[in-house]
Amino acid sequence: MDILALILLIIGGLNWGLVGLFDFNLVSFIFGSMSIISRIIYTLVSLGAIWSITFFFREHILSRYQLKESSR
């Protein structure tokens, strides 16, 4: 699941980079502006971003656990 979330974030990041640099939306170009497929892709990218937020908490929990273990 983590790999899939990262792939989706890369796709979204590249698309936003194209929008920012060249005013070119690749997803809209390929699938049409706000077509059902475009909306699905945007939704999947946002779900990948939401899932990726958990990376911060996992790292925090792991580092806290490792600190407790090393102090024993």
N, C-alpha and C. Protein backbone atom coordinates (compact mmCIF):
# COMPACT_ATOMS: atom_id res chain seq x y z
N MET A 1 0.83 -1.20 0.00
CA MET A 1 0.00 0.00 0.00
C MET A 1 0.87 1.26 0.00
N ASP A 2 1.99 1.21 0.73
CA ASP A 2 2.87 2.37 0.79
C ASP A 2 3.45 2.69 -0.59
N ILE A 3 3.85 1.66 -1.32
CA ILE A 3 4.43 1.87 -2.65
C ILE A 3 3.38 2.48 -3.58
N LEU A 4 2.17 1.97 -3.52
CA LEU A 4 1.09 2.51 -4.36
C LEU A 4 0.84 3.98 -4.03
N ALA A 5 0.83 4.32 -2.75
CA ALA A 5 0.63 5.72 -2.35
C ALA A 5 1.75 6.60 -2.88
N LEU A 6 2.98 6.12 -2.83
CA LEU A 6 4.10 6.91 -3.34
C LEU A 6 4.02 7.07 -4.86
N ILE A 7 3.62 6.04 -5.56
CA ILE A 7 3.45 6.14 -7.02
C ILE A 7 2.40 7.18 -7.35
N LEU A 8 1.29 7.15 -6.63
CA LEU A 8 0.24 8.14 -6.86
C LEU A 8 0.72 9.56 -6.57
N LEU A 9 1.51 9.71 -5.51
CA LEU A 9 2.05 11.04 -5.19
C LEU A 9 3.03 11.52 -6.26
N ILE A 10 3.79 10.62 -6.81
CA ILE A 10 4.72 11.00 -7.89
C ILE A 10 3.94 11.44 -9.11
N ILE A 11 2.90 10.69 -9.46
CA ILE A 11 2.06 11.08 -10.61
C ILE A 11 1.45 12.45 -10.37
N GLY A 12 0.89 12.65 -9.19
CA GLY A 12 0.28 13.94 -8.86
C GLY A 12 1.30 15.07 -8.84
N GLY A 13 2.47 14.80 -8.28
CA GLY A 13 3.51 15.83 -8.22
C GLY A 13 4.01 16.22 -9.60
N LEU A 14 4.19 15.23 -10.46
CA LEU A 14 4.63 15.54 -11.82
C LEU A 14 3.56 16.34 -12.57
N ASN A 15 2.31 15.96 -12.38
CA ASN A 15 1.23 16.69 -13.04
C ASN A 15 1.17 18.14 -12.54
N TRP A 16 1.29 18.34 -11.22
CA TRP A 16 1.27 19.70 -10.69
C TRP A 16 2.50 20.49 -11.14
N GLY A 17 3.63 19.82 -11.30
CA GLY A 17 4.81 20.49 -11.83
C GLY A 17 4.58 20.97 -13.25
N LEU A 18 3.94 20.14 -14.06
CA LEU A 18 3.61 20.55 -15.43
C LEU A 18 2.64 21.72 -15.44
N VAL A 19 1.67 21.69 -14.53
CA VAL A 19 0.70 22.79 -14.45
C VAL A 19 1.41 24.08 -14.04
N GLY A 20 2.28 23.98 -13.04
CA GLY A 20 2.97 25.17 -12.56
C GLY A 20 3.97 25.75 -13.54
N LEU A 21 4.70 24.89 -14.21
CA LEU A 21 5.75 25.36 -15.11
C LEU A 21 5.25 25.72 -16.50
N PHE A 22 4.32 24.92 -17.02
CA PHE A 22 3.93 25.07 -18.42
C PHE A 22 2.43 25.31 -18.63
N ASP A 23 1.68 25.41 -17.53
CA ASP A 23 0.23 25.55 -17.61
C ASP A 23 -0.38 24.43 -18.46
N PHE A 24 0.13 23.21 -18.23
CA PHE A 24 -0.30 22.03 -18.99
C PHE A 24 -0.70 20.93 -18.02
N ASN A 25 -1.96 20.54 -18.05
CA ASN A 25 -2.47 19.49 -17.19
C ASN A 25 -2.51 18.19 -18.00
N LEU A 26 -1.57 17.29 -17.71
CA LEU A 26 -1.46 16.05 -18.46
C LEU A 26 -2.67 15.15 -18.29
N VAL A 27 -3.22 15.09 -17.09
CA VAL A 27 -4.39 14.24 -16.84
C VAL A 27 -5.58 14.73 -17.67
N SER A 28 -5.80 16.03 -17.67
CA SER A 28 -6.89 16.58 -18.47
C SER A 28 -6.63 16.40 -19.96
N PHE A 29 -5.38 16.50 -20.37
CA PHE A 29 -5.04 16.33 -21.77
C PHE A 29 -5.33 14.91 -22.25
N ILE A 30 -4.99 13.93 -21.42
CA ILE A 30 -5.17 12.52 -21.81
C ILE A 30 -6.63 12.09 -21.67
N PHE A 31 -7.27 12.44 -20.56
CA PHE A 31 -8.59 11.89 -20.26
C PHE A 31 -9.73 12.88 -20.40
N GLY A 32 -9.44 14.13 -20.66
CA GLY A 32 -10.49 15.14 -20.77
C GLY A 32 -10.64 15.91 -19.47
N SER A 33 -11.05 17.15 -19.61
CA SER A 33 -11.19 18.02 -18.45
C SER A 33 -12.37 17.57 -17.59
N MET A 34 -12.07 17.16 -16.38
CA MET A 34 -13.05 16.72 -15.38
C MET A 34 -13.97 15.61 -15.88
N SER A 35 -13.44 14.73 -16.73
CA SER A 35 -14.18 13.53 -17.09
C SER A 35 -14.21 12.60 -15.88
N ILE A 36 -14.97 11.56 -15.96
CA ILE A 36 -15.07 10.63 -14.83
C ILE A 36 -13.72 9.98 -14.55
N ILE A 37 -12.96 9.69 -15.60
CA ILE A 37 -11.64 9.08 -15.39
C ILE A 37 -10.69 10.08 -14.73
N SER A 38 -10.72 11.32 -15.17
CA SER A 38 -9.88 12.35 -14.54
C SER A 38 -10.23 12.51 -13.07
N ARG A 39 -11.51 12.52 -12.77
CA ARG A 39 -11.94 12.66 -11.37
C ARG A 39 -11.49 11.47 -10.53
N ILE A 40 -11.51 10.27 -11.12
CA ILE A 40 -11.04 9.08 -10.40
C ILE A 40 -9.54 9.20 -10.13
N ILE A 41 -8.79 9.64 -11.13
CA ILE A 41 -7.34 9.80 -10.96
C ILE A 41 -7.05 10.83 -9.87
N TYR A 42 -7.72 11.97 -9.91
CA TYR A 42 -7.51 13.00 -8.88
C TYR A 42 -7.87 12.47 -7.49
N THR A 43 -8.94 11.69 -7.42
CA THR A 43 -9.34 11.11 -6.14
C THR A 43 -8.31 10.11 -5.63
N LEU A 44 -7.79 9.27 -6.52
CA LEU A 44 -6.77 8.30 -6.12
C LEU A 44 -5.49 8.99 -5.65
N VAL A 45 -5.10 10.06 -6.34
CA VAL A 45 -3.92 10.81 -5.93
C VAL A 45 -4.14 11.42 -4.55
N SER A 46 -5.32 11.96 -4.30
CA SER A 46 -5.58 12.54 -2.98
C SER A 46 -5.62 11.47 -1.89
N LEU A 47 -6.14 10.30 -2.19
CA LEU A 47 -6.13 9.20 -1.22
C LEU A 47 -4.70 8.74 -0.94
N GLY A 48 -3.86 8.74 -1.98
CA GLY A 48 -2.45 8.42 -1.78
C GLY A 48 -1.77 9.44 -0.88
N ALA A 49 -2.12 10.70 -1.04
CA ALA A 49 -1.55 11.75 -0.18
C ALA A 49 -2.02 11.58 1.26
N ILE A 50 -3.28 11.29 1.43
CA ILE A 50 -3.81 11.09 2.79
C ILE A 50 -3.13 9.89 3.44
N TRP A 51 -2.97 8.82 2.70
CA TRP A 51 -2.29 7.63 3.24
C TRP A 51 -0.84 7.97 3.61
N SER A 52 -0.19 8.79 2.80
CA SER A 52 1.21 9.13 3.03
C SER A 52 1.41 9.98 4.27
N ILE A 53 0.38 10.64 4.73
CA ILE A 53 0.47 11.40 5.99
C ILE A 53 0.84 10.46 7.13
N THR A 54 0.41 9.22 7.04
CA THR A 54 0.71 8.25 8.10
C THR A 54 2.20 7.95 8.20
N PHE A 55 2.98 8.24 7.15
CA PHE A 55 4.42 8.01 7.20
C PHE A 55 5.05 8.81 8.34
N PHE A 56 4.60 10.02 8.56
CA PHE A 56 5.15 10.85 9.62
C PHE A 56 4.89 10.25 10.99
N PHE A 57 3.70 9.75 11.20
CA PHE A 57 3.35 9.19 12.49
C PHE A 57 4.04 7.86 12.73
N ARG A 58 4.19 7.08 11.67
CA ARG A 58 4.89 5.81 11.83
C ARG A 58 6.34 6.03 12.21
N GLU A 59 7.00 6.97 11.58
CA GLU A 59 8.39 7.28 11.90
C GLU A 59 8.51 7.77 13.34
N HIS A 60 7.56 8.61 13.74
CA HIS A 60 7.57 9.14 15.10
C HIS A 60 7.38 8.01 16.11
N ILE A 61 6.46 7.14 15.86
CA ILE A 61 6.19 6.03 16.78
C ILE A 61 7.39 5.08 16.82
N LEU A 62 7.96 4.78 15.66
CA LEU A 62 9.11 3.89 15.61
C LEU A 62 10.30 4.48 16.35
N SER A 63 10.58 5.76 16.16
CA SER A 63 11.73 6.36 16.83
C SER A 63 11.50 6.42 18.34
N ARG A 64 10.28 6.67 18.77
CA ARG A 64 9.99 6.70 20.20
C ARG A 64 10.17 5.31 20.79
N TYR A 65 9.72 4.29 20.08
CA TYR A 65 9.84 2.92 20.56
C TYR A 65 11.32 2.51 20.63
N GLN A 66 12.09 2.89 19.63
CA GLN A 66 13.52 2.54 19.61
C GLN A 66 14.26 3.24 20.74
N LEU A 67 13.88 4.47 21.07
CA LEU A 67 14.51 5.17 22.18
C LEU A 67 14.21 4.47 23.50
N LYS A 68 12.99 4.00 23.69
CA LYS A 68 12.64 3.30 24.92
C LYS A 68 13.40 1.99 25.03
N GLU A 69 13.53 1.27 23.93
CA GLU A 69 14.23 0.00 23.93
C GLU A 69 15.72 0.19 24.22
N SER A 70 16.32 1.23 23.66
CA SER A 70 17.77 1.43 23.84
C SER A 70 18.09 1.92 25.25
N SER A 71 17.13 2.49 25.97
CA SER A 71 17.40 2.98 27.32
C SER A 71 17.31 1.88 28.37
N ARG A 72 16.90 0.70 27.98
CA ARG A 72 16.77 -0.40 28.95
C ARG A 72 18.08 -1.04 29.26
